[in-house]
Amino acid sequence: MTHVKTLLAPAAIVMTLAVPAFAQDAAIDINGDGMYSYPELTAVLPDLTEADFEAMDVSADGLLDADEIATGQEAGLLPS
């Protein structure tokens, strides 16, 4: 069991660091669900258009998850 903990601890740290800092901002994620809605983002990024949000929201669920946020950052639609 100790061996499993030894392997999982570094993996957990790496996964935590892999999520973009922007995705972890509690000041943006008002409801704390771990995802950003269009109203949450426009509160801090008033120039974000609905079209840009929809382009990032590839799952079309009205929310940006960590992967969608990272893709938006890579595309220059969101700050890093």
N, C-alpha and C. Protein backbone atom coordinates (compact mmCIF):
# COMPACT_ATOMS: atom_id res chain seq x y z
N MET A 1 0.82 -1.20 0.00
CA MET A 1 0.00 0.00 0.00
C MET A 1 0.87 1.26 0.00
N THR A 2 1.97 1.23 0.74
CA THR A 2 2.88 2.37 0.77
C THR A 2 3.45 2.65 -0.61
N HIS A 3 3.72 1.60 -1.36
CA HIS A 3 4.25 1.75 -2.71
C HIS A 3 3.26 2.50 -3.60
N VAL A 4 1.98 2.20 -3.46
CA VAL A 4 0.95 2.88 -4.26
C VAL A 4 0.90 4.35 -3.90
N LYS A 5 0.96 4.67 -2.62
CA LYS A 5 0.95 6.07 -2.19
C LYS A 5 2.17 6.80 -2.73
N THR A 6 3.30 6.13 -2.73
CA THR A 6 4.53 6.73 -3.25
C THR A 6 4.39 7.08 -4.72
N LEU A 7 3.70 6.26 -5.47
CA LEU A 7 3.51 6.52 -6.89
C LEU A 7 2.42 7.55 -7.15
N LEU A 8 1.39 7.57 -6.34
CA LEU A 8 0.27 8.47 -6.58
C LEU A 8 0.57 9.90 -6.17
N ALA A 9 1.35 10.11 -5.14
CA ALA A 9 1.63 11.47 -4.67
C ALA A 9 2.28 12.33 -5.76
N PRO A 10 3.35 11.87 -6.41
CA PRO A 10 3.92 12.70 -7.49
C PRO A 10 2.95 12.91 -8.65
N ALA A 11 2.16 11.91 -8.96
CA ALA A 11 1.19 12.05 -10.05
C ALA A 11 0.16 13.12 -9.71
N ALA A 12 -0.28 13.16 -8.49
CA ALA A 12 -1.26 14.17 -8.06
C ALA A 12 -0.66 15.56 -8.15
N ILE A 13 0.59 15.70 -7.78
CA ILE A 13 1.26 17.00 -7.86
C ILE A 13 1.38 17.45 -9.32
N VAL A 14 1.79 16.55 -10.18
CA VAL A 14 1.93 16.88 -11.60
C VAL A 14 0.59 17.28 -12.19
N MET A 15 -0.45 16.55 -11.88
CA MET A 15 -1.78 16.87 -12.42
C MET A 15 -2.26 18.22 -11.92
N THR A 16 -1.98 18.55 -10.67
CA THR A 16 -2.37 19.84 -10.12
C THR A 16 -1.64 20.96 -10.85
N LEU A 17 -0.37 20.79 -11.11
CA LEU A 17 0.41 21.81 -11.78
C LEU A 17 0.08 21.93 -13.26
N ALA A 18 -0.46 20.87 -13.85
CA ALA A 18 -0.76 20.88 -15.28
C ALA A 18 -1.97 21.73 -15.62
N VAL A 19 -2.86 21.97 -14.67
CA VAL A 19 -4.06 22.77 -14.92
C VAL A 19 -3.65 24.24 -14.96
N PRO A 20 -4.07 24.97 -15.95
CA PRO A 20 -3.67 26.36 -16.06
C PRO A 20 -4.10 27.17 -14.84
N ALA A 21 -3.27 28.13 -14.44
CA ALA A 21 -3.57 28.95 -13.27
C ALA A 21 -4.87 29.71 -13.47
N PHE A 22 -5.15 30.15 -14.68
CA PHE A 22 -6.37 30.88 -14.97
C PHE A 22 -7.59 30.02 -14.64
N ALA A 23 -7.49 28.71 -14.82
CA ALA A 23 -8.60 27.81 -14.57
C ALA A 23 -8.88 27.62 -13.08
N GLN A 24 -7.95 28.01 -12.24
CA GLN A 24 -8.10 27.81 -10.81
C GLN A 24 -8.47 29.10 -10.09
N ASP A 25 -8.81 30.15 -10.78
CA ASP A 25 -9.07 31.43 -10.17
C ASP A 25 -10.47 31.48 -9.58
N ALA A 26 -10.54 31.45 -8.24
CA ALA A 26 -11.83 31.47 -7.55
C ALA A 26 -12.55 32.80 -7.75
N ALA A 27 -11.82 33.85 -8.08
CA ALA A 27 -12.45 35.14 -8.33
C ALA A 27 -13.27 35.12 -9.62
N ILE A 28 -12.93 34.19 -10.52
CA ILE A 28 -13.68 34.05 -11.77
C ILE A 28 -14.76 32.99 -11.62
N ASP A 29 -14.41 31.86 -11.05
CA ASP A 29 -15.34 30.73 -10.88
C ASP A 29 -16.22 30.99 -9.65
N ILE A 30 -17.18 31.87 -9.82
CA ILE A 30 -18.01 32.34 -8.71
C ILE A 30 -18.74 31.21 -7.99
N ASN A 31 -19.28 30.25 -8.73
CA ASN A 31 -20.06 29.18 -8.09
C ASN A 31 -19.20 27.99 -7.67
N GLY A 32 -17.90 28.03 -7.96
CA GLY A 32 -16.98 27.00 -7.50
C GLY A 32 -17.15 25.63 -8.14
N ASP A 33 -17.70 25.58 -9.34
CA ASP A 33 -17.90 24.28 -10.00
C ASP A 33 -16.69 23.80 -10.78
N GLY A 34 -15.63 24.61 -10.82
CA GLY A 34 -14.43 24.22 -11.54
C GLY A 34 -14.46 24.53 -13.02
N MET A 35 -15.52 25.17 -13.47
CA MET A 35 -15.66 25.54 -14.87
C MET A 35 -16.08 27.00 -14.95
N TYR A 36 -15.89 27.60 -16.12
CA TYR A 36 -16.26 29.00 -16.32
C TYR A 36 -17.46 29.11 -17.25
N SER A 37 -18.43 29.89 -16.84
CA SER A 37 -19.57 30.20 -17.70
C SER A 37 -19.27 31.53 -18.41
N TYR A 38 -20.06 31.83 -19.41
CA TYR A 38 -19.89 33.09 -20.13
C TYR A 38 -20.05 34.28 -19.19
N PRO A 39 -21.09 34.33 -18.34
CA PRO A 39 -21.21 35.46 -17.41
C PRO A 39 -20.04 35.58 -16.44
N GLU A 40 -19.50 34.45 -15.98
CA GLU A 40 -18.35 34.50 -15.08
C GLU A 40 -17.14 35.12 -15.79
N LEU A 41 -16.92 34.73 -17.03
CA LEU A 41 -15.77 35.24 -17.76
C LEU A 41 -15.93 36.71 -18.16
N THR A 42 -17.11 37.09 -18.58
CA THR A 42 -17.28 38.48 -19.02
C THR A 42 -17.24 39.45 -17.84
N ALA A 43 -17.42 38.95 -16.63
CA ALA A 43 -17.29 39.81 -15.45
C ALA A 43 -15.84 40.29 -15.30
N VAL A 44 -14.88 39.47 -15.75
CA VAL A 44 -13.46 39.84 -15.64
C VAL A 44 -12.83 40.11 -17.00
N LEU A 45 -13.47 39.66 -18.07
CA LEU A 45 -12.98 39.89 -19.44
C LEU A 45 -14.12 40.49 -20.26
N PRO A 46 -14.45 41.76 -20.04
CA PRO A 46 -15.63 42.35 -20.70
C PRO A 46 -15.56 42.37 -22.22
N ASP A 47 -14.35 42.25 -22.79
CA ASP A 47 -14.22 42.26 -24.25
C ASP A 47 -14.43 40.88 -24.88
N LEU A 48 -14.61 39.85 -24.07
CA LEU A 48 -14.84 38.51 -24.60
C LEU A 48 -16.20 38.46 -25.28
N THR A 49 -16.21 38.03 -26.53
CA THR A 49 -17.48 37.95 -27.25
C THR A 49 -18.13 36.59 -27.04
N GLU A 50 -19.42 36.56 -27.24
CA GLU A 50 -20.14 35.29 -27.14
C GLU A 50 -19.66 34.30 -28.20
N ALA A 51 -19.32 34.83 -29.37
CA ALA A 51 -18.82 33.98 -30.45
C ALA A 51 -17.49 33.33 -30.05
N ASP A 52 -16.60 34.09 -29.42
CA ASP A 52 -15.33 33.52 -28.97
C ASP A 52 -15.56 32.47 -27.89
N PHE A 53 -16.49 32.76 -26.96
CA PHE A 53 -16.80 31.79 -25.92
C PHE A 53 -17.32 30.50 -26.54
N GLU A 54 -18.25 30.62 -27.47
CA GLU A 54 -18.82 29.44 -28.12
C GLU A 54 -17.77 28.66 -28.90
N ALA A 55 -16.80 29.36 -29.48
CA ALA A 55 -15.73 28.68 -30.20
C ALA A 55 -14.87 27.85 -29.25
N MET A 56 -14.67 28.33 -28.03
CA MET A 56 -13.88 27.59 -27.04
C MET A 56 -14.67 26.45 -26.42
N ASP A 57 -15.99 26.60 -26.35
CA ASP A 57 -16.86 25.62 -25.70
C ASP A 57 -17.17 24.47 -26.66
N VAL A 58 -16.16 23.63 -26.90
CA VAL A 58 -16.32 22.56 -27.88
C VAL A 58 -17.34 21.51 -27.45
N SER A 59 -17.59 21.39 -26.16
CA SER A 59 -18.59 20.43 -25.69
C SER A 59 -20.01 21.00 -25.79
N ALA A 60 -20.11 22.28 -26.08
CA ALA A 60 -21.40 22.98 -26.23
C ALA A 60 -22.30 22.82 -25.01
N ASP A 61 -21.68 22.80 -23.82
CA ASP A 61 -22.48 22.69 -22.60
C ASP A 61 -22.65 24.03 -21.88
N GLY A 62 -22.12 25.10 -22.50
CA GLY A 62 -22.24 26.42 -21.91
C GLY A 62 -21.21 26.70 -20.82
N LEU A 63 -20.25 25.80 -20.66
CA LEU A 63 -19.21 25.95 -19.65
C LEU A 63 -17.86 25.59 -20.26
N LEU A 64 -16.81 26.24 -19.77
CA LEU A 64 -15.46 25.90 -20.21
C LEU A 64 -14.78 25.09 -19.11
N ASP A 65 -14.35 23.88 -19.47
CA ASP A 65 -13.59 23.06 -18.52
C ASP A 65 -12.11 23.38 -18.68
N ALA A 66 -11.26 22.73 -17.90
CA ALA A 66 -9.82 23.03 -17.92
C ALA A 66 -9.20 22.84 -19.30
N ASP A 67 -9.61 21.82 -20.02
CA ASP A 67 -9.06 21.59 -21.37
C ASP A 67 -9.49 22.70 -22.33
N GLU A 68 -10.74 23.09 -22.25
CA GLU A 68 -11.24 24.15 -23.13
C GLU A 68 -10.57 25.49 -22.79
N ILE A 69 -10.33 25.73 -21.51
CA ILE A 69 -9.64 26.96 -21.10
C ILE A 69 -8.22 26.95 -21.64
N ALA A 70 -7.53 25.82 -21.51
CA ALA A 70 -6.16 25.71 -22.01
C ALA A 70 -6.12 25.95 -23.52
N THR A 71 -7.08 25.39 -24.24
CA THR A 71 -7.14 25.59 -25.68
C THR A 71 -7.41 27.06 -26.00
N GLY A 72 -8.28 27.69 -25.24
CA GLY A 72 -8.55 29.12 -25.44
C GLY A 72 -7.33 29.98 -25.18
N GLN A 73 -6.53 29.59 -24.18
CA GLN A 73 -5.29 30.31 -23.91
C GLN A 73 -4.29 30.13 -25.06
N GLU A 74 -4.16 28.89 -25.54
CA GLU A 74 -3.26 28.64 -26.67
C GLU A 74 -3.66 29.39 -27.92
N ALA A 75 -4.97 29.58 -28.09
CA ALA A 75 -5.48 30.31 -29.26
C ALA A 75 -5.42 31.82 -29.07
N GLY A 76 -5.06 32.27 -27.86
CA GLY A 76 -4.99 33.70 -27.60
C GLY A 76 -6.32 34.34 -27.27
N LEU A 77 -7.35 33.52 -27.03
CA LEU A 77 -8.67 34.04 -26.69
C LEU A 77 -8.80 34.34 -25.20
N LEU A 78 -7.95 33.71 -24.38
CA LEU A 78 -7.93 33.92 -22.93
C LEU A 78 -6.51 34.21 -22.49
N PRO A 79 -6.36 35.02 -21.43
CA PRO A 79 -4.99 35.27 -20.93
C PRO A 79 -4.41 34.00 -20.30
N SER A 80 -3.11 33.93 -20.29
CA SER A 80 -2.43 32.76 -19.70
C SER A 80 -2.26 32.93 -18.21
